Amino acid sequence: MDYYCYDIKVATSLKEIALAFLNELPFDSFEEAGDGLRAYLRKDSDVEEIEDELSNIAAQLSFTYERRLIPDQNWNALWESNFSPIRIGNLCGVRAPFHPPMEGVQHEIVISPRMAFGTGHHATTYMMMEQMGQERFAGLRVLDFGCGTGILAILAEKMGAASVDAVDVELPAYENTLDNARANGAARIQVYHGTLDAVQGGSYGYILANINRNVILNSIRALYGKLAPGGILLVSGILTADESLVLSRAKAAKLRFTDKARRGEWSCIRFVR
């Protein structure tokens, strides 16, 4: 799959506001850059309509942007040139296949991300993994909703989950999770391509949802229905500015808020059924 990368130059003081607006558009992911942001969009999206809305946002916030194509066949070279190993405390080390093994961590995960995002470098993935280190997964049935590279599903299995279902609507993410699960010897992960409806049944002891605000808001009741009594829902991909909206929607769905973490302008929130 080819992607467009939008290099957005925006003032640091307006970056969080810009992200809040951009999060309403169907970008797959965002990255912070020295002079602003990078937003990634599938080439087969309705580019003209999205750019009309993007231009309106740019006019309101006085930022500029440029679009460039990232062909699918060039993505590996792009991330390989920028991907460095990352450590989440003593819990986990994440590296690419071409890096040497990491020492001094409980779990090591080898990731080849391709165009499926989630290597631990982004604040949201880092927080999800950091929070997972405070939880118990032994014997639990786990769901990774919006699995990306499969990194959270793999960590859940390494931490003792009895089984893990991983699902993503994007075909590259589905394929990447299959490859990464296989490379990490994660045999208890079942991967699905599609929406949340692709995963039948419920009674999950833990659900991981590192996606974006809109998907979380639209799925919160369905996620509640898939949790076992006392089950935990951990969500991220949420801007701190949107915390109150997510908390309100979760409360209406009868989920109990228990904790949250922040890293930069991003939040990670924990709920219990």
C-alpha atoms as a PDB file:
ATOM      1  CA  MET A   1       0.000   0.000   0.000  1.00  0.00           C
ATOM      2  CA  ASP A   2       1.346   3.442  -0.984  1.00  0.00           C
ATOM      3  CA  TYR A   3       0.971   6.286   1.487  1.00  0.00           C
ATOM      4  CA  TYR A   4       1.108  10.052   1.376  1.00  0.00           C
ATOM      5  CA  CYS A   5       3.138  11.770   4.056  1.00  0.00           C
ATOM      6  CA  TYR A   6       2.085  15.338   4.880  1.00  0.00           C
ATOM      7  CA  ASP A   7       4.934  17.372   6.329  1.00  0.00           C
ATOM      8  CA  ILE A   8       3.156  19.985   8.440  1.00  0.00           C
ATOM      9  CA  LYS A   9       5.073  22.998   9.705  1.00  0.00           C
ATOM     10  CA  VAL A  10       3.253  24.390  12.715  1.00  0.00           C
ATOM     11  CA  ALA A  11       4.309  26.497  15.688  1.00  0.00           C
ATOM     12  CA  THR A  12       5.106  24.488  18.818  1.00  0.00           C
ATOM     13  CA  SER A  13       2.467  26.426  20.773  1.00  0.00           C
ATOM     14  CA  LEU A  14      -0.187  25.327  18.252  1.00  0.00           C
ATOM     15  CA  LYS A  15       0.919  21.713  17.780  1.00  0.00           C
ATOM     16  CA  GLU A  16      -1.529  20.226  20.278  1.00  0.00           C
ATOM     17  CA  ILE A  17      -4.434  22.208  18.825  1.00  0.00           C
ATOM     18  CA  ALA A  18      -3.419  21.184  15.304  1.00  0.00           C
ATOM     19  CA  LEU A  19      -3.366  17.512  16.342  1.00  0.00           C
ATOM     20  CA  ALA A  20      -6.858  17.825  17.793  1.00  0.00           C
ATOM     21  CA  PHE A  21      -8.162  19.093  14.442  1.00  0.00           C
ATOM     22  CA  LEU A  22      -6.131  16.660  12.340  1.00  0.00           C
ATOM     23  CA  ASN A  23      -7.351  13.747  14.421  1.00  0.00           C
ATOM     24  CA  GLU A  24     -10.804  14.353  12.923  1.00  0.00           C
ATOM     25  CA  LEU A  25      -9.452  13.507   9.455  1.00  0.00           C
ATOM     26  CA  PRO A  26      -8.811   9.899   8.351  1.00  0.00           C
ATOM     27  CA  PHE A  27      -5.032   9.960   8.743  1.00  0.00           C
ATOM     28  CA  ASP A  28      -3.585   6.599   9.772  1.00  0.00           C
ATOM     29  CA  SER A  29      -0.951   7.973  12.116  1.00  0.00           C
ATOM     30  CA  PHE A  30       1.032  11.000  13.204  1.00  0.00           C
ATOM     31  CA  GLU A  31       4.678  11.570  14.068  1.00  0.00           C
ATOM     32  CA  GLU A  32       6.283  14.553  15.735  1.00  0.00           C
ATOM     33  CA  ALA A  33       8.973  16.330  13.746  1.00  0.00           C
ATOM     34  CA  GLY A  34      11.385  19.053  14.750  1.00  0.00           C
ATOM     35  CA  ASP A  35       9.434  21.776  12.992  1.00  0.00           C
ATOM     36  CA  GLY A  36       5.942  20.317  13.309  1.00  0.00           C
ATOM     37  CA  LEU A  37       4.188  17.058  12.478  1.00  0.00           C
ATOM     38  CA  ARG A  38       4.005  14.293   9.916  1.00  0.00           C
ATOM     39  CA  ALA A  39       0.608  12.839   9.033  1.00  0.00           C
ATOM     40  CA  TYR A  40       0.225   9.621   7.025  1.00  0.00           C
ATOM     41  CA  LEU A  41      -2.660   8.933   4.645  1.00  0.00           C
ATOM     42  CA  ARG A  42      -3.369   5.941   2.437  1.00  0.00           C
ATOM     43  CA  LYS A  43      -3.021   6.815  -1.223  1.00  0.00           C
ATOM     44  CA  ASP A  44      -6.409   5.290  -2.008  1.00  0.00           C
ATOM     45  CA  SER A  45      -8.174   7.730   0.357  1.00  0.00           C
ATOM     46  CA  ASP A  46     -10.363  10.571  -0.912  1.00  0.00           C
ATOM     47  CA  VAL A  47      -7.337  12.866  -1.097  1.00  0.00           C
ATOM     48  CA  GLU A  48      -9.087  15.844  -2.716  1.00  0.00           C
ATOM     49  CA  GLU A  49     -11.818  16.035  -0.078  1.00  0.00           C
ATOM     50  CA  ILE A  50      -9.363  15.523   2.789  1.00  0.00           C
ATOM     51  CA  GLU A  51      -7.021  18.199   1.471  1.00  0.00           C
ATOM     52  CA  ASP A  52      -9.923  20.650   1.251  1.00  0.00           C
ATOM     53  CA  GLU A  53     -10.507  20.143   4.967  1.00  0.00           C
ATOM     54  CA  LEU A  54      -6.777  20.204   5.681  1.00  0.00           C
ATOM     55  CA  SER A  55      -6.456  23.552   3.878  1.00  0.00           C
ATOM     56  CA  ASN A  56      -9.228  24.999   6.034  1.00  0.00           C
ATOM     57  CA  ILE A  57      -7.468  23.874   9.197  1.00  0.00           C
ATOM     58  CA  ALA A  58      -4.163  25.258   7.914  1.00  0.00           C
ATOM     59  CA  ALA A  59      -5.788  28.638   7.283  1.00  0.00           C
ATOM     60  CA  GLN A  60      -7.243  28.741  10.802  1.00  0.00           C
ATOM     61  CA  LEU A  61      -3.983  27.816  12.525  1.00  0.00           C
ATOM     62  CA  SER A  62      -1.552  29.493  10.115  1.00  0.00           C
ATOM     63  CA  PHE A  63       0.477  26.401   9.277  1.00  0.00           C
ATOM     64  CA  THR A  64       1.823  25.118   5.968  1.00  0.00           C
ATOM     65  CA  TYR A  65       2.092  21.581   4.625  1.00  0.00           C
ATOM     66  CA  GLU A  66       3.609  19.637   1.770  1.00  0.00           C
ATOM     67  CA  ARG A  67       2.576  16.224   0.475  1.00  0.00           C
ATOM     68  CA  ARG A  68       5.012  13.529  -0.613  1.00  0.00           C
ATOM     69  CA  LEU A  69       4.483   9.957  -1.733  1.00  0.00           C
ATOM     70  CA  ILE A  70       5.964   7.024   0.175  1.00  0.00           C
ATOM     71  CA  PRO A  71       5.794   4.006  -2.137  1.00  0.00           C
ATOM     72  CA  ASP A  72       5.190   0.736  -0.362  1.00  0.00           C
ATOM     73  CA  GLN A  73       8.380  -0.798  -1.707  1.00  0.00           C
ATOM     74  CA  ASN A  74      10.452   2.001  -0.162  1.00  0.00           C
ATOM     75  CA  TRP A  75       8.953   1.851   3.331  1.00  0.00           C
ATOM     76  CA  ASN A  76      11.373  -0.749   4.715  1.00  0.00           C
ATOM     77  CA  ALA A  77      14.371   1.380   3.775  1.00  0.00           C
ATOM     78  CA  LEU A  78      12.715   4.427   5.341  1.00  0.00           C
ATOM     79  CA  TRP A  79      12.084   2.902   8.757  1.00  0.00           C
ATOM     80  CA  GLU A  80      15.345   0.967   8.813  1.00  0.00           C
ATOM     81  CA  SER A  81      17.231   4.236   8.474  1.00  0.00           C
ATOM     82  CA  ASN A  82      15.384   5.742  11.459  1.00  0.00           C
ATOM     83  CA  PHE A  83      14.498   2.805  13.719  1.00  0.00           C
ATOM     84  CA  SER A  84      16.673   2.523  16.819  1.00  0.00           C
ATOM     85  CA  PRO A  85      16.130   0.030  19.683  1.00  0.00           C
ATOM     86  CA  ILE A  86      13.924   1.217  22.539  1.00  0.00           C
ATOM     87  CA  ARG A  87      13.688   0.106  26.163  1.00  0.00           C
ATOM     88  CA  ILE A  88      10.617   0.372  28.402  1.00  0.00           C
ATOM     89  CA  GLY A  89      12.325   0.262  31.779  1.00  0.00           C
ATOM     90  CA  ASN A  90      13.344  -3.281  32.692  1.00  0.00           C
ATOM     91  CA  LEU A  91      10.104  -4.651  31.280  1.00  0.00           C
ATOM     92  CA  CYS A  92      10.743  -4.799  27.572  1.00  0.00           C
ATOM     93  CA  GLY A  93      13.208  -4.090  24.823  1.00  0.00           C
ATOM     94  CA  VAL A  94      12.078  -3.526  21.232  1.00  0.00           C
ATOM     95  CA  ARG A  95      14.450  -3.871  18.319  1.00  0.00           C
ATOM     96  CA  ALA A  96      14.546  -4.633  14.611  1.00  0.00           C
ATOM     97  CA  PRO A  97      15.911  -7.940  13.233  1.00  0.00           C
ATOM     98  CA  PHE A  98      19.170  -6.248  12.198  1.00  0.00           C
ATOM     99  CA  HIS A  99      19.916  -5.012  15.780  1.00  0.00           C
ATOM    100  CA  PRO A 100      21.894  -7.139  18.271  1.00  0.00           C
ATOM    101  CA  PRO A 101      19.955  -8.785  21.134  1.00  0.00           C
ATOM    102  CA  MET A 102      19.122  -6.551  24.102  1.00  0.00           C
ATOM    103  CA  GLU A 103      20.169  -7.398  27.646  1.00  0.00           C
ATOM    104  CA  GLY A 104      18.714  -6.508  31.033  1.00  0.00           C
ATOM    105  CA  VAL A 105      15.028  -6.700  30.061  1.00  0.00           C
ATOM    106  CA  GLN A 106      12.378  -9.257  30.997  1.00  0.00           C
ATOM    107  CA  HIS A 107      11.028  -9.485  27.460  1.00  0.00           C
ATOM    108  CA  GLU A 108      12.532  -8.757  24.063  1.00  0.00           C
ATOM    109  CA  ILE A 109      10.363  -8.087  21.009  1.00  0.00           C
ATOM    110  CA  VAL A 110      11.691  -8.053  17.451  1.00  0.00           C
ATOM    111  CA  ILE A 111       9.581  -5.852  15.181  1.00  0.00           C
ATOM    112  CA  SER A 112       9.648  -5.280  11.422  1.00  0.00           C
ATOM    113  CA  PRO A 113       7.054  -2.491  11.251  1.00  0.00           C
ATOM    114  CA  ARG A 114       6.811  -1.839   7.503  1.00  0.00           C
ATOM    115  CA  MET A 115       3.846   0.552   7.040  1.00  0.00           C
ATOM    116  CA  ALA A 116       2.017  -0.676  10.144  1.00  0.00           C
ATOM    117  CA  PHE A 117       2.734   1.728  12.961  1.00  0.00           C
ATOM    118  CA  GLY A 118       3.679   0.795  16.511  1.00  0.00           C
ATOM    119  CA  THR A 119       7.291   0.257  17.507  1.00  0.00           C
ATOM    120  CA  GLY A 120       7.244   1.702  21.017  1.00  0.00           C
ATOM    121  CA  HIS A 121       8.791   4.987  19.899  1.00  0.00           C
ATOM    122  CA  HIS A 122       5.486   6.870  19.801  1.00  0.00           C
ATOM    123  CA  ALA A 123       4.260   8.155  23.152  1.00  0.00           C
ATOM    124  CA  THR A 124       0.988   6.222  22.952  1.00  0.00           C
ATOM    125  CA  THR A 125       2.614   2.823  22.336  1.00  0.00           C
ATOM    126  CA  TYR A 126       5.258   3.513  24.973  1.00  0.00           C
ATOM    127  CA  MET A 127       2.610   4.350  27.589  1.00  0.00           C
ATOM    128  CA  MET A 128       0.538   1.292  26.735  1.00  0.00           C
ATOM    129  CA  MET A 129       3.553  -0.965  27.229  1.00  0.00           C
ATOM    130  CA  GLU A 130       4.626   0.864  30.377  1.00  0.00           C
ATOM    131  CA  GLN A 131       1.138   0.419  31.875  1.00  0.00           C
ATOM    132  CA  MET A 132       1.077  -3.245  30.830  1.00  0.00           C
ATOM    133  CA  GLY A 133       4.164  -3.718  32.987  1.00  0.00           C
ATOM    134  CA  GLN A 134       2.028  -2.916  36.035  1.00  0.00           C
ATOM    135  CA  GLU A 135      -0.644  -5.486  35.165  1.00  0.00           C
ATOM    136  CA  ARG A 136      -0.982  -9.259  35.395  1.00  0.00           C
ATOM    137  CA  PHE A 137      -1.741 -11.133  32.188  1.00  0.00           C
ATOM    138  CA  ALA A 138      -1.109 -14.703  33.325  1.00  0.00           C
ATOM    139  CA  GLY A 139      -3.983 -16.931  32.204  1.00  0.00           C
ATOM    140  CA  LEU A 140      -6.043 -14.064  30.751  1.00  0.00           C
ATOM    141  CA  ARG A 141      -7.810 -13.917  27.402  1.00  0.00           C
ATOM    142  CA  VAL A 142      -6.658 -10.647  25.772  1.00  0.00           C
ATOM    143  CA  LEU A 143      -7.855  -8.541  22.825  1.00  0.00           C
ATOM    144  CA  ASP A 144      -5.569  -6.127  20.951  1.00  0.00           C
ATOM    145  CA  PHE A 145      -7.969  -3.843  19.062  1.00  0.00           C
ATOM    146  CA  GLY A 146      -6.185  -1.946  16.283  1.00  0.00           C
ATOM    147  CA  CYS A 147      -3.073  -4.103  16.571  1.00  0.00           C
ATOM    148  CA  GLY A 148      -0.799  -2.275  14.087  1.00  0.00           C
ATOM    149  CA  THR A 149       2.489  -4.193  14.231  1.00  0.00           C
ATOM    150  CA  GLY A 150       1.135  -6.584  16.875  1.00  0.00           C
ATOM    151  CA  ILE A 151       3.621  -5.307  19.445  1.00  0.00           C
ATOM    152  CA  LEU A 152       1.090  -5.108  22.307  1.00  0.00           C
ATOM    153  CA  ALA A 153      -0.372  -8.529  21.507  1.00  0.00           C
ATOM    154  CA  ILE A 154       3.126 -10.023  21.502  1.00  0.00           C
ATOM    155  CA  LEU A 155       3.991  -8.408  24.839  1.00  0.00           C
ATOM    156  CA  ALA A 156       0.713  -9.672  26.359  1.00  0.00           C
ATOM    157  CA  GLU A 157       1.565 -13.229  25.311  1.00  0.00           C
ATOM    158  CA  LYS A 158       5.124 -12.928  26.627  1.00  0.00           C
ATOM    159  CA  MET A 159       3.620 -11.791  29.946  1.00  0.00           C
ATOM    160  CA  GLY A 160       1.628 -15.006  30.183  1.00  0.00           C
ATOM    161  CA  ALA A 161      -1.729 -14.380  28.471  1.00  0.00           C
ATOM    162  CA  ALA A 162      -3.535 -17.655  27.788  1.00  0.00           C
ATOM    163  CA  SER A 163      -4.656 -16.412  24.370  1.00  0.00           C
ATOM    164  CA  VAL A 164      -4.599 -13.145  22.438  1.00  0.00           C
ATOM    165  CA  ASP A 165      -6.913 -12.006  19.650  1.00  0.00           C
ATOM    166  CA  ALA A 166      -5.488  -9.181  17.510  1.00  0.00           C
ATOM    167  CA  VAL A 167      -7.543  -7.293  14.935  1.00  0.00           C
ATOM    168  CA  ASP A 168      -6.916  -4.410  12.545  1.00  0.00           C
ATOM    169  CA  VAL A 169      -8.946  -2.958   9.693  1.00  0.00           C
ATOM    170  CA  GLU A 170      -5.785  -2.255   7.663  1.00  0.00           C
ATOM    171  CA  LEU A 171      -4.504  -5.162   5.569  1.00  0.00           C
ATOM    172  CA  PRO A 172      -0.806  -4.175   5.969  1.00  0.00           C
ATOM    173  CA  ALA A 173      -1.266  -4.170   9.757  1.00  0.00           C
ATOM    174  CA  TYR A 174      -2.942  -7.592   9.673  1.00  0.00           C
ATOM    175  CA  GLU A 175      -0.120  -9.020   7.544  1.00  0.00           C
ATOM    176  CA  ASN A 176       2.554  -7.328   9.649  1.00  0.00           C
ATOM    177  CA  THR A 177       1.098  -8.689  12.893  1.00  0.00           C
ATOM    178  CA  LEU A 178       1.104 -12.203  11.425  1.00  0.00           C
ATOM    179  CA  ASP A 179       4.768 -11.833  10.458  1.00  0.00           C
ATOM    180  CA  ASN A 180       5.845 -10.304  13.774  1.00  0.00           C
ATOM    181  CA  ALA A 181       3.944 -12.858  15.863  1.00  0.00           C
ATOM    182  CA  ARG A 182       5.644 -15.627  13.902  1.00  0.00           C
ATOM    183  CA  ALA A 183       9.084 -14.014  14.270  1.00  0.00           C
ATOM    184  CA  ASN A 184       8.619 -13.750  18.046  1.00  0.00           C
ATOM    185  CA  GLY A 185       7.335 -17.289  18.459  1.00  0.00           C
ATOM    186  CA  ALA A 186       3.973 -15.969  19.665  1.00  0.00           C
ATOM    187  CA  ALA A 187       1.858 -19.030  18.907  1.00  0.00           C
ATOM    188  CA  ARG A 188      -1.091 -18.053  21.105  1.00  0.00           C
ATOM    189  CA  ILE A 189      -2.022 -14.996  18.998  1.00  0.00           C
ATOM    190  CA  GLN A 190      -4.952 -15.226  16.569  1.00  0.00           C
ATOM    191  CA  VAL A 191      -4.956 -12.360  14.041  1.00  0.00           C
ATOM    192  CA  TYR A 192      -8.089 -11.007  12.323  1.00  0.00           C
ATOM    193  CA  HIS A 193      -8.485  -8.585   9.428  1.00  0.00           C
ATOM    194  CA  GLY A 194     -11.483  -6.281   9.812  1.00  0.00           C
ATOM    195  CA  THR A 195     -13.388  -4.205  12.315  1.00  0.00           C
ATOM    196  CA  LEU A 196     -14.187  -5.172  15.899  1.00  0.00           C
ATOM    197  CA  ASP A 197     -17.073  -7.249  14.510  1.00  0.00           C
ATOM    198  CA  ALA A 198     -14.513  -9.628  12.983  1.00  0.00           C
ATOM    199  CA  VAL A 199     -13.766 -10.879  16.503  1.00  0.00           C
ATOM    200  CA  GLN A 200     -16.668 -12.936  17.786  1.00  0.00           C
ATOM    201  CA  GLY A 201     -17.498 -13.471  21.435  1.00  0.00           C
ATOM    202  CA  GLY A 202     -16.311 -11.674  24.518  1.00  0.00           C
ATOM    203  CA  SER A 203     -15.224 -12.359  28.099  1.00  0.00           C
ATOM    204  CA  TYR A 204     -11.795 -10.787  27.678  1.00  0.00           C
ATOM    205  CA  GLY A 205      -9.893 -10.174  30.885  1.00  0.00           C
ATOM    206  CA  TYR A 206      -7.947  -7.357  29.227  1.00  0.00           C
ATOM    207  CA  ILE A 207      -8.543  -5.239  26.117  1.00  0.00           C
ATOM    208  CA  LEU A 208      -5.821  -3.061  24.611  1.00  0.00           C
ATOM    209  CA  ALA A 209      -6.983  -0.268  22.290  1.00  0.00           C
ATOM    210  CA  ASN A 210      -4.233   2.030  21.032  1.00  0.00           C
ATOM    211  CA  ILE A 211      -6.059   3.615  18.093  1.00  0.00           C
ATOM    212  CA  ASN A 212      -7.527   7.124  17.969  1.00  0.00           C
ATOM    213  CA  ARG A 213     -10.208   9.123  19.698  1.00  0.00           C
ATOM    214  CA  ASN A 214     -12.986   8.633  17.165  1.00  0.00           C
ATOM    215  CA  VAL A 215     -12.630   4.857  16.935  1.00  0.00           C
ATOM    216  CA  ILE A 216     -12.526   4.578  20.720  1.00  0.00           C
ATOM    217  CA  LEU A 217     -15.595   6.772  21.165  1.00  0.00           C
ATOM    218  CA  ASN A 218     -17.541   4.837  18.533  1.00  0.00           C
ATOM    219  CA  SER A 219     -16.498   1.462  19.941  1.00  0.00           C
ATOM    220  CA  ILE A 220     -16.664   2.039  23.693  1.00  0.00           C
ATOM    221  CA  ARG A 221     -20.007   0.272  24.241  1.00  0.00           C
ATOM    222  CA  ALA A 222     -18.979  -2.677  22.099  1.00  0.00           C
ATOM    223  CA  LEU A 223     -15.694  -2.935  23.996  1.00  0.00           C
ATOM    224  CA  TYR A 224     -17.601  -2.919  27.289  1.00  0.00           C
ATOM    225  CA  GLY A 225     -19.675  -5.821  25.981  1.00  0.00           C
ATOM    226  CA  LYS A 226     -16.535  -7.833  25.201  1.00  0.00           C
ATOM    227  CA  LEU A 227     -15.031  -7.390  28.676  1.00  0.00           C
ATOM    228  CA  ALA A 228     -15.495  -9.991  31.375  1.00  0.00           C
ATOM    229  CA  PRO A 229     -16.779  -8.648  34.730  1.00  0.00           C
ATOM    230  CA  GLY A 230     -13.786  -7.018  36.383  1.00  0.00           C
ATOM    231  CA  GLY A 231     -11.979  -6.906  33.029  1.00  0.00           C
ATOM    232  CA  ILE A 232      -9.640  -4.029  32.188  1.00  0.00           C
ATOM    233  CA  LEU A 233      -9.764  -1.712  29.155  1.00  0.00           C
ATOM    234  CA  LEU A 234      -6.592   0.261  28.419  1.00  0.00           C
ATOM    235  CA  VAL A 235      -6.900   2.932  25.724  1.00  0.00           C
ATOM    236  CA  SER A 236      -4.530   5.408  24.106  1.00  0.00           C
ATOM    237  CA  GLY A 237      -4.177   7.373  20.882  1.00  0.00           C
ATOM    238  CA  ILE A 238      -6.000  10.124  22.775  1.00  0.00           C
ATOM    239  CA  LEU A 239      -4.883  13.724  23.107  1.00  0.00           C
ATOM    240  CA  THR A 240      -4.935  15.147  26.627  1.00  0.00           C
ATOM    241  CA  ALA A 241      -7.379  17.747  25.306  1.00  0.00           C
ATOM    242  CA  ASP A 242      -9.852  14.924  24.586  1.00  0.00           C
ATOM    243  CA  GLU A 243      -9.597  13.150  27.934  1.00  0.00           C
ATOM    244  CA  SER A 244     -12.859  14.556  29.332  1.00  0.00           C
ATOM    245  CA  LEU A 245     -14.798  13.466  26.237  1.00  0.00           C
ATOM    246  CA  VAL A 246     -13.487   9.904  26.459  1.00  0.00           C
ATOM    247  CA  LEU A 247     -14.083   9.748  30.220  1.00  0.00           C
ATOM    248  CA  SER A 248     -17.653  10.949  29.779  1.00  0.00           C
ATOM    249  CA  ARG A 249     -18.427   8.422  27.033  1.00  0.00           C
ATOM    250  CA  ALA A 250     -16.848   5.606  29.053  1.00  0.00           C
ATOM    251  CA  LYS A 251     -18.870   6.518  32.136  1.00  0.00           C
ATOM    252  CA  ALA A 252     -22.063   6.409  30.075  1.00  0.00           C
ATOM    253  CA  ALA A 253     -21.034   2.916  28.944  1.00  0.00           C
ATOM    254  CA  LYS A 254     -20.710   1.909  32.638  1.00  0.00           C
ATOM    255  CA  LEU A 255     -16.930   1.651  32.580  1.00  0.00           C
ATOM    256  CA  ARG A 256     -15.170   2.766  35.759  1.00  0.00           C
ATOM    257  CA  PHE A 257     -12.144   5.041  35.375  1.00  0.00           C
ATOM    258  CA  THR A 258      -9.212   3.945  37.542  1.00  0.00           C
ATOM    259  CA  ASP A 259      -6.022   5.606  36.301  1.00  0.00           C
ATOM    260  CA  LYS A 260      -4.356   7.588  33.527  1.00  0.00           C
ATOM    261  CA  ALA A 261      -0.889   8.513  32.320  1.00  0.00           C
ATOM    262  CA  ARG A 262       0.362  11.335  30.134  1.00  0.00           C
ATOM    263  CA  ARG A 263       3.356  11.658  27.865  1.00  0.00           C
ATOM    264  CA  GLY A 264       3.671  14.912  25.945  1.00  0.00           C
ATOM    265  CA  GLU A 265       0.230  15.784  24.606  1.00  0.00           C
ATOM    266  CA  TRP A 266      -0.957  12.158  24.648  1.00  0.00           C
ATOM    267  CA  SER A 267      -2.954  10.242  27.266  1.00  0.00           C
ATOM    268  CA  CYS A 268      -3.356   6.598  28.239  1.00  0.00           C
ATOM    269  CA  ILE A 269      -6.475   5.770  30.281  1.00  0.00           C
ATOM    270  CA  ARG A 270      -7.402   2.659  32.265  1.00  0.00           C
ATOM    271  CA  PHE A 271     -10.974   1.506  32.856  1.00  0.00           C
ATOM    272  CA  VAL A 272     -12.538  -1.479  34.616  1.00  0.00           C
ATOM    273  CA  ARG A 273     -15.857  -3.156  33.935  1.00  0.00           C
END
